[in-house]
Amino acid sequence: MRAFWAHAGPLLLPAGLLLAGQAGGLAAQLGRDLTAFIVVALLQGAVWAMAATVVMRNTELQPALTLILGTAMLLRLIALAAPVFLSDDINRYIWDGRVQAAGINPYRYIPTDPHLAPLRDDAIFPNINRNNYAPTIYPPVAQVLFLLANRVGETALAVKLTFVAIEVIGIGALVYVLHATGRPRGYILFYAWHPLPVWEIAGSGHVDAAIVAFVVLALAAAVAGRRAWSGAALAAATLVKFFPLVLAPALWRPAKSNRGDWRWPAAFLAVIAAAYLPYIGVGPRVVGFLPGYVAEENLASGSGFWLLDTLRHAFTIPLSAYLGLAMTVMAGLAVGALRKSTDSIAGLRWATALATAAMFFASPHYPWYFVCLVALLTIAPWWPAWWLTLSAVLLYWEAKAGTIPRWTGFAIYGGFIILGAVDLIWRSFFMVRSGAQHGIDRAI
């Protein structure tokens, strides 16, 4: 008992504060008070940072694993009671599951199409976003999960429970990766107590829970040397939302001396083909609303990219130049990842670097896009990138499709630039100092 209090004691206060904040955040959502919720979520982020610091300074927190996971469960149980408030995406999930349960391809019709009239109700159908012009945007694996959730029930709670159960698989895989790479299992607190995944998955029921699970399973398989399983898991993650594709260079190690590595792309492509096959009957429409989404979010014009939009206030910069810069940086990181050592930890670090760079250049307009980054940072932390995940809740403030309010963009992405520069200068200073000390030692 004394050992437990010695290790878990410092975490009891932040655990209590997080749970109190969770109750406050739930009350704010039930009262439709967005400002109060954002303030509470930001305060929870500060408490999380305090708890994360405790864990990092005390690597002997193994007895506290029960406290960490128990608190994580309570946080999610409270969030499950949240109404459909921050996002209405869950209504589209329920609708797509219902359409498939009726034996209809979800990419074939928009919700208001007369062919789907028998499926309409008064609770879900009127609240589907873009229901009169947009087919579904979600790729095939997401669609399979929507159908799975439909088997649980056609309610928001049923969808949330389904995705929390999937998230639990991801958390278990995270614990495995931490242990397999020699990191303290107590680091699972970085993900399990982070307010972003709690609110976005258990609270809003976002399908990003499946991205977390499949991405971490891909990392776990890579660490275990299961190349084919790693490729298959990342393919599944990519077909929930396409973003995880940027992680491929960190997981695939092409080498003439190791033909087994070709199992990775073979498995990846096989899963992609198999997942699309049941839906391919609609032809090109299987891409869904993706082209329309790109235009609606002002990505086609470039104004939806925060960095480009900000620089355009001072300079005339074409979209092609910005995309060229982003692709050059991403290509450089990809080459570095492909040439990495066989050390499994190196691959995890490259995965975090690729994901962070992609997030910065894409500058998502919605907080839930950062949930997967929380999982990657749990395995390979980089403190400036944590800022993106903690401040992402600000995107709810004055939210408008296709734009990021200037002050919000500067707070999130500008803050990341500043913190990244500080970290770079700090590292450079210590490298120079270390080199100078090494020269002195050699002279002596």
Protein backbone atom coordinates (compact mmCIF):
# COMPACT_ATOMS: atom_id res chain seq x y z
CA MET A 1 0.00 0.00 0.00
CA ARG A 2 2.84 2.38 0.86
CA ALA A 3 4.44 1.66 -2.51
CA PHE A 4 1.16 2.38 -4.28
CA TRP A 5 0.77 5.76 -2.59
CA ALA A 6 4.39 6.62 -3.30
CA HIS A 7 3.89 6.01 -7.01
CA ALA A 8 0.23 6.87 -7.54
CA GLY A 9 -0.14 9.63 -4.95
CA PRO A 10 1.15 12.45 -7.19
CA LEU A 11 -1.44 11.51 -9.82
CA LEU A 12 -4.48 11.56 -7.53
CA LEU A 13 -4.89 15.35 -7.63
CA PRO A 14 -4.72 15.69 -11.42
CA ALA A 15 -7.02 12.66 -11.75
CA GLY A 16 -9.59 14.34 -9.53
CA LEU A 17 -9.25 17.66 -11.36
CA LEU A 18 -9.70 15.98 -14.73
CA LEU A 19 -12.84 14.19 -13.55
CA ALA A 20 -14.22 17.44 -12.13
CA GLY A 21 -13.44 19.13 -15.43
CA GLN A 22 -15.17 16.30 -17.27
CA ALA A 23 -18.33 16.92 -15.29
CA GLY A 24 -18.02 20.64 -16.02
CA GLY A 25 -17.48 20.02 -19.73
CA LEU A 26 -20.52 17.74 -19.85
CA ALA A 27 -22.63 20.37 -18.10
CA ALA A 28 -21.46 22.99 -20.59
CA GLN A 29 -22.46 20.78 -23.53
CA LEU A 30 -25.83 19.92 -22.03
CA GLY A 31 -26.38 23.67 -21.56
CA ARG A 32 -25.22 24.37 -25.15
CA ASP A 33 -22.54 26.73 -23.81
CA LEU A 34 -19.70 26.38 -26.30
CA THR A 35 -17.50 29.03 -24.72
CA ALA A 36 -17.67 27.37 -21.30
CA PHE A 37 -16.83 24.00 -22.83
CA ILE A 38 -13.75 25.36 -24.63
CA VAL A 39 -12.50 26.99 -21.43
CA VAL A 40 -13.01 23.75 -19.49
CA ALA A 41 -11.24 21.70 -22.19
CA LEU A 42 -8.28 24.09 -22.17
CA LEU A 43 -8.07 23.84 -18.37
CA GLN A 44 -8.20 20.06 -18.65
CA GLY A 45 -5.29 20.30 -21.06
CA ALA A 46 -3.30 22.21 -18.45
CA VAL A 47 -4.09 19.53 -15.84
CA TRP A 48 -3.10 16.84 -18.34
CA ALA A 49 0.24 18.58 -18.84
CA MET A 50 0.77 18.53 -15.08
CA ALA A 51 0.01 14.80 -14.91
CA ALA A 52 2.22 14.07 -17.93
CA THR A 53 5.10 15.91 -16.24
CA VAL A 54 4.65 13.77 -13.11
CA VAL A 55 4.81 10.59 -15.21
CA MET A 56 7.88 11.73 -17.13
CA ARG A 57 9.76 12.63 -13.96
CA ASN A 58 8.91 9.37 -12.24
CA THR A 59 9.40 6.39 -14.52
CA GLU A 60 8.61 3.99 -11.66
CA LEU A 61 4.85 4.42 -11.98
CA GLN A 62 3.99 0.83 -12.79
CA PRO A 63 1.72 0.41 -9.72
CA ALA A 64 -0.22 3.49 -10.93
CA LEU A 65 -1.23 1.83 -14.21
CA THR A 66 -4.51 0.77 -12.60
CA LEU A 67 -5.19 4.35 -11.53
CA ILE A 68 -4.34 5.67 -15.01
CA LEU A 69 -6.59 3.22 -16.85
CA GLY A 70 -9.37 3.45 -14.25
CA THR A 71 -9.43 7.24 -14.52
CA ALA A 72 -9.39 6.97 -18.31
CA MET A 73 -12.47 4.74 -18.14
CA LEU A 74 -14.32 7.16 -15.86
CA LEU A 75 -13.49 10.10 -18.14
CA ARG A 76 -15.01 8.24 -21.08
CA LEU A 77 -18.08 7.12 -19.14
CA ILE A 78 -18.88 10.74 -18.33
CA ALA A 79 -18.26 11.84 -21.92
CA LEU A 80 -20.66 9.19 -23.25
CA ALA A 81 -23.51 11.23 -21.81
CA ALA A 82 -22.65 14.23 -23.98
CA PRO A 83 -25.33 15.31 -26.49
CA VAL A 84 -24.79 15.72 -30.24
CA PHE A 85 -23.41 19.22 -29.85
CA LEU A 86 -19.81 19.80 -30.94
CA SER A 87 -20.24 17.90 -34.21
CA ASP A 88 -23.14 16.26 -36.02
CA ASP A 89 -21.00 13.81 -38.01
CA ILE A 90 -22.40 10.96 -35.95
CA ASN A 91 -25.75 11.38 -37.72
CA ARG A 92 -24.08 10.63 -41.05
CA TYR A 93 -22.46 7.54 -39.49
CA ILE A 94 -25.85 6.27 -38.34
CA TRP A 95 -27.41 7.02 -41.72
CA ASP A 96 -24.65 5.25 -43.69
CA GLY A 97 -25.00 2.22 -41.43
CA ARG A 98 -28.76 2.21 -41.94
CA VAL A 99 -28.42 2.47 -45.72
CA GLN A 100 -26.02 -0.48 -45.81
CA ALA A 101 -28.22 -2.53 -43.50
CA ALA A 102 -30.95 -2.07 -46.12
CA GLY A 103 -28.64 -3.57 -48.74
CA ILE A 104 -27.91 -0.27 -50.53
CA ASN A 105 -24.47 1.03 -51.53
CA PRO A 106 -23.89 4.18 -49.40
CA TYR A 107 -22.02 5.89 -52.25
CA ARG A 108 -24.96 5.61 -54.66
CA TYR A 109 -27.41 8.20 -53.35
CA ILE A 110 -27.48 11.42 -51.37
CA PRO A 111 -29.71 11.21 -48.27
CA THR A 112 -32.55 13.20 -49.83
CA ASP A 113 -32.73 10.94 -52.89
CA PRO A 114 -36.26 9.48 -53.29
CA HIS A 115 -34.79 5.95 -53.39
CA LEU A 116 -33.93 6.33 -49.70
CA ALA A 117 -37.26 7.81 -48.61
CA PRO A 118 -38.34 4.62 -46.73
CA LEU A 119 -35.26 4.96 -44.49
CA ARG A 120 -36.00 8.48 -43.29
CA ASP A 121 -37.02 9.27 -39.72
CA ASP A 122 -37.53 12.36 -37.58
CA ALA A 123 -34.45 11.92 -35.38
CA ILE A 124 -31.48 11.23 -37.66
CA PHE A 125 -32.38 12.17 -41.24
CA PRO A 126 -33.16 15.90 -40.66
CA ASN A 127 -29.84 16.33 -38.80
CA ILE A 128 -27.49 14.83 -41.41
CA ASN A 129 -25.07 17.49 -42.54
CA ARG A 130 -25.09 18.27 -46.29
CA ASN A 131 -28.00 15.86 -46.67
CA ASN A 132 -29.42 17.51 -49.80
CA TYR A 133 -26.29 17.59 -51.96
CA ALA A 134 -23.46 15.43 -50.60
CA PRO A 135 -23.04 11.66 -50.78
CA THR A 136 -21.00 10.09 -48.03
CA ILE A 137 -17.32 11.01 -47.89
CA TYR A 138 -16.12 8.12 -45.74
CA PRO A 139 -13.94 5.34 -47.26
CA PRO A 140 -14.88 1.63 -47.21
CA VAL A 141 -13.41 0.53 -43.86
CA ALA A 142 -15.26 3.38 -42.15
CA GLN A 143 -18.41 2.18 -43.88
CA VAL A 144 -17.91 -1.34 -42.54
CA LEU A 145 -17.60 0.11 -39.05
CA PHE A 146 -20.80 2.13 -39.52
CA LEU A 147 -22.59 -1.08 -40.45
CA LEU A 148 -21.08 -2.75 -37.37
CA ALA A 149 -22.34 0.09 -35.18
CA ASN A 150 -25.77 -0.30 -36.80
CA ARG A 151 -25.86 -3.88 -35.50
CA VAL A 152 -25.38 -2.45 -31.99
CA GLY A 153 -28.11 0.13 -32.41
CA GLU A 154 -29.24 3.14 -34.44
CA THR A 155 -28.52 5.69 -31.75
CA ALA A 156 -25.68 8.08 -31.00
CA LEU A 157 -24.90 6.13 -27.83
CA ALA A 158 -24.59 2.87 -29.75
CA VAL A 159 -22.10 4.46 -32.16
CA LYS A 160 -20.12 5.95 -29.28
CA LEU A 161 -19.95 2.64 -27.44
CA THR A 162 -18.77 0.92 -30.62
CA PHE A 163 -15.98 3.39 -31.19
CA VAL A 164 -14.93 3.49 -27.52
CA ALA A 165 -14.62 -0.31 -27.68
CA ILE A 166 -12.43 0.08 -30.79
CA GLU A 167 -10.41 2.78 -29.03
CA VAL A 168 -9.79 0.37 -26.14
CA ILE A 169 -8.07 -1.94 -28.64
CA GLY A 170 -5.86 0.98 -29.63
CA ILE A 171 -5.03 1.75 -26.00
CA GLY A 172 -4.08 -1.87 -25.41
CA ALA A 173 -1.85 -1.78 -28.49
CA LEU A 174 -0.26 1.43 -27.22
CA VAL A 175 0.62 -0.26 -23.93
CA TYR A 176 2.18 -3.12 -25.91
CA VAL A 177 4.28 -0.78 -28.07
CA LEU A 178 5.47 1.16 -25.02
CA HIS A 179 6.53 -2.04 -23.29
CA ALA A 180 8.11 -3.55 -26.42
CA THR A 181 10.23 -0.45 -27.03
CA GLY A 182 11.43 -0.16 -23.44
CA ARG A 183 9.33 2.81 -22.44
CA PRO A 184 7.43 2.96 -19.14
CA ARG A 185 3.88 1.68 -19.54
CA GLY A 186 2.77 4.61 -17.42
CA TYR A 187 3.26 6.77 -20.51
CA ILE A 188 -0.14 5.50 -21.63
CA LEU A 189 -1.43 8.42 -19.54
CA PHE A 190 -0.33 10.73 -22.38
CA TYR A 191 -3.13 9.34 -24.53
CA ALA A 192 -5.62 7.95 -22.01
CA TRP A 193 -5.97 11.21 -20.04
CA HIS A 194 -5.67 13.63 -22.95
CA PRO A 195 -8.93 15.59 -23.20
CA LEU A 196 -9.00 15.59 -27.01
CA PRO A 197 -9.57 11.87 -27.66
CA VAL A 198 -11.90 11.64 -24.66
CA TRP A 199 -14.23 14.33 -25.95
CA GLU A 200 -13.93 13.55 -29.65
CA ILE A 201 -14.44 9.77 -29.38
CA ALA A 202 -16.52 9.09 -26.27
CA GLY A 203 -18.14 12.52 -26.36
CA SER A 204 -18.81 13.07 -30.07
CA GLY A 205 -18.40 9.51 -31.36
CA HIS A 206 -15.90 10.27 -34.11
CA VAL A 207 -14.68 7.43 -36.30
CA ASP A 208 -11.11 8.60 -35.65
CA ALA A 209 -11.11 6.00 -32.86
CA ALA A 210 -10.61 3.41 -35.60
CA ILE A 211 -7.68 5.39 -37.04
CA VAL A 212 -6.03 5.29 -33.63
CA ALA A 213 -6.62 1.56 -33.29
CA PHE A 214 -5.43 0.59 -36.78
CA VAL A 215 -2.43 2.93 -36.79
CA VAL A 216 -1.20 1.69 -33.41
CA LEU A 217 -1.81 -1.91 -34.46
CA ALA A 218 0.31 -1.20 -37.55
CA LEU A 219 3.06 0.17 -35.32
CA ALA A 220 2.76 -2.79 -32.94
CA ALA A 221 3.01 -5.25 -35.84
CA ALA A 222 6.07 -3.40 -37.16
CA VAL A 223 7.75 -3.53 -33.76
CA ALA A 224 6.99 -7.27 -33.56
CA GLY A 225 8.40 -7.85 -37.04
CA ARG A 226 5.00 -8.77 -38.52
CA ARG A 227 5.48 -6.94 -41.81
CA ALA A 228 2.35 -8.11 -43.63
CA TRP A 229 0.12 -7.37 -40.65
CA SER A 230 1.66 -3.91 -40.36
CA GLY A 231 0.84 -3.12 -43.99
CA ALA A 232 -2.67 -4.51 -43.65
CA ALA A 233 -3.40 -2.48 -40.50
CA LEU A 234 -2.16 0.77 -42.04
CA ALA A 235 -4.29 0.11 -45.13
CA ALA A 236 -7.32 -0.29 -42.87
CA ALA A 237 -6.46 3.00 -41.14
CA THR A 238 -6.08 4.72 -44.51
CA LEU A 239 -9.54 3.57 -45.54
CA VAL A 240 -11.10 5.06 -42.43
CA LYS A 241 -9.70 8.45 -43.46
CA PHE A 242 -6.94 8.89 -45.99
CA PHE A 243 -4.49 10.79 -43.76
CA PRO A 244 -2.64 7.73 -42.31
CA LEU A 245 -1.17 7.07 -45.77
CA VAL A 246 1.60 9.58 -44.91
CA LEU A 247 2.91 7.11 -42.31
CA ALA A 248 3.78 4.45 -44.89
CA PRO A 249 7.47 5.43 -45.26
CA ALA A 250 7.96 5.02 -41.50
CA LEU A 251 6.62 1.46 -41.52
CA TRP A 252 7.90 0.03 -44.80
CA ARG A 253 11.58 -0.85 -45.03
CA PRO A 254 12.37 -1.79 -48.65
CA ALA A 255 15.65 -3.66 -48.85
CA LYS A 256 17.10 -6.09 -51.39
CA SER A 257 18.55 -8.12 -48.56
CA ASN A 258 15.14 -8.62 -46.98
CA ARG A 259 12.57 -9.76 -49.50
CA GLY A 260 10.10 -10.22 -46.69
CA ASP A 261 9.71 -6.48 -46.59
CA TRP A 262 7.74 -6.71 -49.82
CA ARG A 263 5.02 -8.41 -47.86
CA TRP A 264 4.24 -4.97 -46.43
CA PRO A 265 3.15 -3.26 -49.68
CA ALA A 266 1.55 -6.48 -50.91
CA ALA A 267 -0.64 -6.68 -47.80
CA PHE A 268 -1.36 -2.95 -47.97
CA LEU A 269 -2.57 -3.12 -51.58
CA ALA A 270 -4.51 -6.34 -50.97
CA VAL A 271 -6.53 -4.76 -48.15
CA ILE A 272 -7.20 -1.64 -50.24
CA ALA A 273 -8.51 -3.74 -53.13
CA ALA A 274 -10.58 -6.04 -50.91
CA ALA A 275 -12.16 -3.13 -49.04
CA TYR A 276 -13.24 -1.29 -52.18
CA LEU A 277 -14.53 -4.37 -53.97
CA PRO A 278 -18.01 -4.53 -52.32
CA TYR A 279 -18.65 -0.88 -53.18
CA ILE A 280 -17.10 -0.61 -56.64
CA GLY A 281 -20.46 -1.08 -58.36
CA VAL A 282 -21.00 2.70 -58.36
CA GLY A 283 -17.82 3.26 -60.38
CA PRO A 284 -16.06 6.64 -59.87
CA ARG A 285 -18.69 7.67 -57.33
CA VAL A 286 -16.95 5.40 -54.82
CA VAL A 287 -14.76 8.41 -53.92
CA GLY A 288 -17.91 9.96 -52.45
CA PHE A 289 -17.98 13.62 -51.51
CA LEU A 290 -14.18 13.95 -51.38
CA PRO A 291 -13.86 16.32 -54.39
CA GLY A 292 -16.70 18.46 -53.09
CA TYR A 293 -15.15 18.51 -49.62
CA VAL A 294 -11.83 19.77 -51.03
CA ALA A 295 -13.65 22.66 -52.69
CA GLU A 296 -15.94 23.35 -49.72
CA GLU A 297 -13.03 23.60 -47.31
CA ASN A 298 -11.28 26.05 -49.67
CA LEU A 299 -8.37 23.68 -50.19
CA ALA A 300 -8.66 23.94 -53.98
CA SER A 301 -8.19 27.72 -53.80
CA GLY A 302 -5.51 27.49 -51.11
CA SER A 303 -7.23 29.77 -48.60
CA GLY A 304 -8.06 26.73 -46.47
CA PHE A 305 -4.38 26.19 -45.70
CA TRP A 306 -3.54 28.38 -42.70
CA LEU A 307 0.11 29.07 -43.53
CA LEU A 308 -0.59 29.92 -47.18
CA ASP A 309 -3.59 32.07 -46.31
CA THR A 310 -1.53 33.96 -43.72
CA LEU A 311 1.41 34.58 -46.05
CA ARG A 312 -0.95 35.77 -48.79
CA HIS A 313 -1.78 38.80 -46.67
CA ALA A 314 1.73 40.03 -47.42
CA PHE A 315 2.76 38.20 -50.60
CA THR A 316 1.19 36.82 -53.75
CA ILE A 317 1.80 33.10 -53.50
CA PRO A 318 0.22 30.57 -55.85
CA LEU A 319 -1.23 27.36 -54.48
CA SER A 320 1.22 25.35 -56.58
CA ALA A 321 4.18 26.95 -54.76
CA TYR A 322 2.74 26.06 -51.37
CA LEU A 323 1.94 22.52 -52.39
CA GLY A 324 5.43 22.24 -53.87
CA LEU A 325 6.96 23.30 -50.56
CA ALA A 326 4.78 20.91 -48.58
CA MET A 327 5.50 18.01 -50.92
CA THR A 328 9.24 18.74 -50.82
CA VAL A 329 9.30 18.67 -47.03
CA MET A 330 7.15 15.56 -46.89
CA ALA A 331 9.32 13.87 -49.55
CA GLY A 332 12.44 14.70 -47.55
CA LEU A 333 10.93 13.18 -44.43
CA ALA A 334 9.77 10.16 -46.42
CA VAL A 335 13.27 9.56 -47.79
CA GLY A 336 14.70 9.88 -44.30
CA ALA A 337 12.13 7.42 -42.99
CA LEU A 338 12.80 4.92 -45.77
CA ARG A 339 16.53 5.09 -45.07
CA LYS A 340 16.09 4.70 -41.33
CA SER A 341 17.95 2.10 -39.31
CA THR A 342 16.35 -1.22 -38.49
CA ASP A 343 15.80 0.05 -34.94
CA SER A 344 12.04 -0.05 -34.34
CA ILE A 345 12.14 3.14 -32.27
CA ALA A 346 13.52 5.04 -35.27
CA GLY A 347 10.44 4.11 -37.26
CA LEU A 348 8.17 5.38 -34.50
CA ARG A 349 9.96 8.73 -34.42
CA TRP A 350 9.69 9.08 -38.18
CA ALA A 351 5.99 8.30 -37.97
CA THR A 352 5.50 11.15 -35.50
CA ALA A 353 7.57 13.50 -37.67
CA LEU A 354 5.60 12.66 -40.81
CA ALA A 355 2.25 13.02 -39.06
CA THR A 356 3.19 16.33 -37.43
CA ALA A 357 4.44 17.83 -40.69
CA ALA A 358 1.36 16.68 -42.58
CA MET A 359 -0.93 18.15 -39.92
CA PHE A 360 0.88 21.48 -40.00
CA PHE A 361 0.80 21.84 -43.79
CA ALA A 362 -2.81 20.63 -44.07
CA SER A 363 -3.89 22.75 -41.07
CA PRO A 364 -7.16 20.87 -40.39
CA HIS A 365 -10.22 22.93 -39.57
CA TYR A 366 -11.63 20.44 -37.08
CA PRO A 367 -10.18 19.30 -33.72
CA TRP A 368 -10.81 15.57 -34.17
CA TYR A 369 -8.23 15.35 -36.95
CA PHE A 370 -5.54 15.64 -34.26
CA VAL A 371 -6.66 12.59 -32.27
CA CYS A 372 -4.32 10.20 -34.09
CA LEU A 373 -1.41 12.57 -33.46
CA VAL A 374 -2.02 12.15 -29.72
CA ALA A 375 -1.46 8.39 -30.07
CA LEU A 376 1.74 8.85 -32.09
CA LEU A 377 3.11 11.40 -29.64
CA THR A 378 2.43 8.98 -26.79
CA ILE A 379 4.92 6.59 -28.39
CA ALA A 380 7.43 9.15 -29.67
CA PRO A 381 6.84 12.47 -27.87
CA TRP A 382 7.94 15.84 -29.24
CA TRP A 383 6.79 18.59 -26.92
CA PRO A 384 6.07 21.36 -29.49
CA ALA A 385 3.65 19.02 -31.31
CA TRP A 386 1.67 18.49 -28.12
CA TRP A 387 0.64 22.13 -28.46
CA LEU A 388 -1.30 21.29 -31.63
CA THR A 389 -3.33 18.65 -29.78
CA LEU A 390 -3.99 20.75 -26.69
CA SER A 391 -5.00 23.93 -28.54
CA ALA A 392 -7.04 22.18 -31.26
CA VAL A 393 -10.24 22.69 -29.24
CA LEU A 394 -10.00 26.38 -30.20
CA LEU A 395 -11.13 25.38 -33.69
CA TYR A 396 -14.66 25.13 -32.28
CA TRP A 397 -14.63 28.86 -31.61
CA GLU A 398 -16.30 30.79 -34.43
CA ALA A 399 -16.15 27.63 -36.55
CA LYS A 400 -17.03 28.13 -40.21
CA ALA A 401 -16.52 25.67 -43.05
CA GLY A 402 -13.45 26.41 -45.12
CA THR A 403 -11.87 29.01 -42.86
CA ILE A 404 -9.90 29.32 -39.66
CA PRO A 405 -10.32 32.61 -37.77
CA ARG A 406 -7.04 34.50 -37.88
CA TRP A 407 -6.47 34.59 -34.13
CA THR A 408 -7.33 30.89 -33.82
CA GLY A 409 -4.86 29.98 -36.56
CA PHE A 410 -2.10 32.01 -34.94
CA ALA A 411 -2.83 30.47 -31.54
CA ILE A 412 -2.67 26.89 -32.85
CA TYR A 413 -0.33 26.83 -35.82
CA GLY A 414 1.58 30.01 -35.07
CA GLY A 415 2.10 28.76 -31.53
CA PHE A 416 3.48 25.51 -32.92
CA ILE A 417 5.95 27.42 -35.13
CA ILE A 418 7.19 29.42 -32.14
CA LEU A 419 7.55 26.36 -29.91
CA GLY A 420 9.24 24.40 -32.69
CA ALA A 421 11.73 27.24 -33.23
CA VAL A 422 12.43 27.41 -29.49
CA ASP A 423 13.06 23.66 -29.41
CA LEU A 424 15.37 23.86 -32.43
CA ILE A 425 17.37 26.70 -30.91
CA TRP A 426 17.54 24.86 -27.58
CA ARG A 427 18.81 21.69 -29.22
CA SER A 428 21.32 23.61 -31.32
CA PHE A 429 22.64 25.39 -28.24
CA PHE A 430 23.21 22.13 -26.40
CA MET A 431 24.81 20.52 -29.46
CA VAL A 432 27.25 23.41 -29.76
CA ARG A 433 27.90 23.38 -26.02
CA SER A 434 28.39 19.61 -26.05
CA GLY A 435 30.80 19.90 -29.01
CA ALA A 436 32.78 22.62 -27.30
CA GLN A 437 33.00 20.58 -24.12
CA HIS A 438 34.14 17.56 -26.13
CA GLY A 439 36.90 19.68 -27.70
CA ILE A 440 38.04 20.87 -24.29
CA ASP A 441 38.08 17.31 -22.99
CA ARG A 442 40.19 16.18 -25.91
CA ALA A 443 42.61 19.08 -25.41
CA ILE A 444 43.00 18.16 -21.78
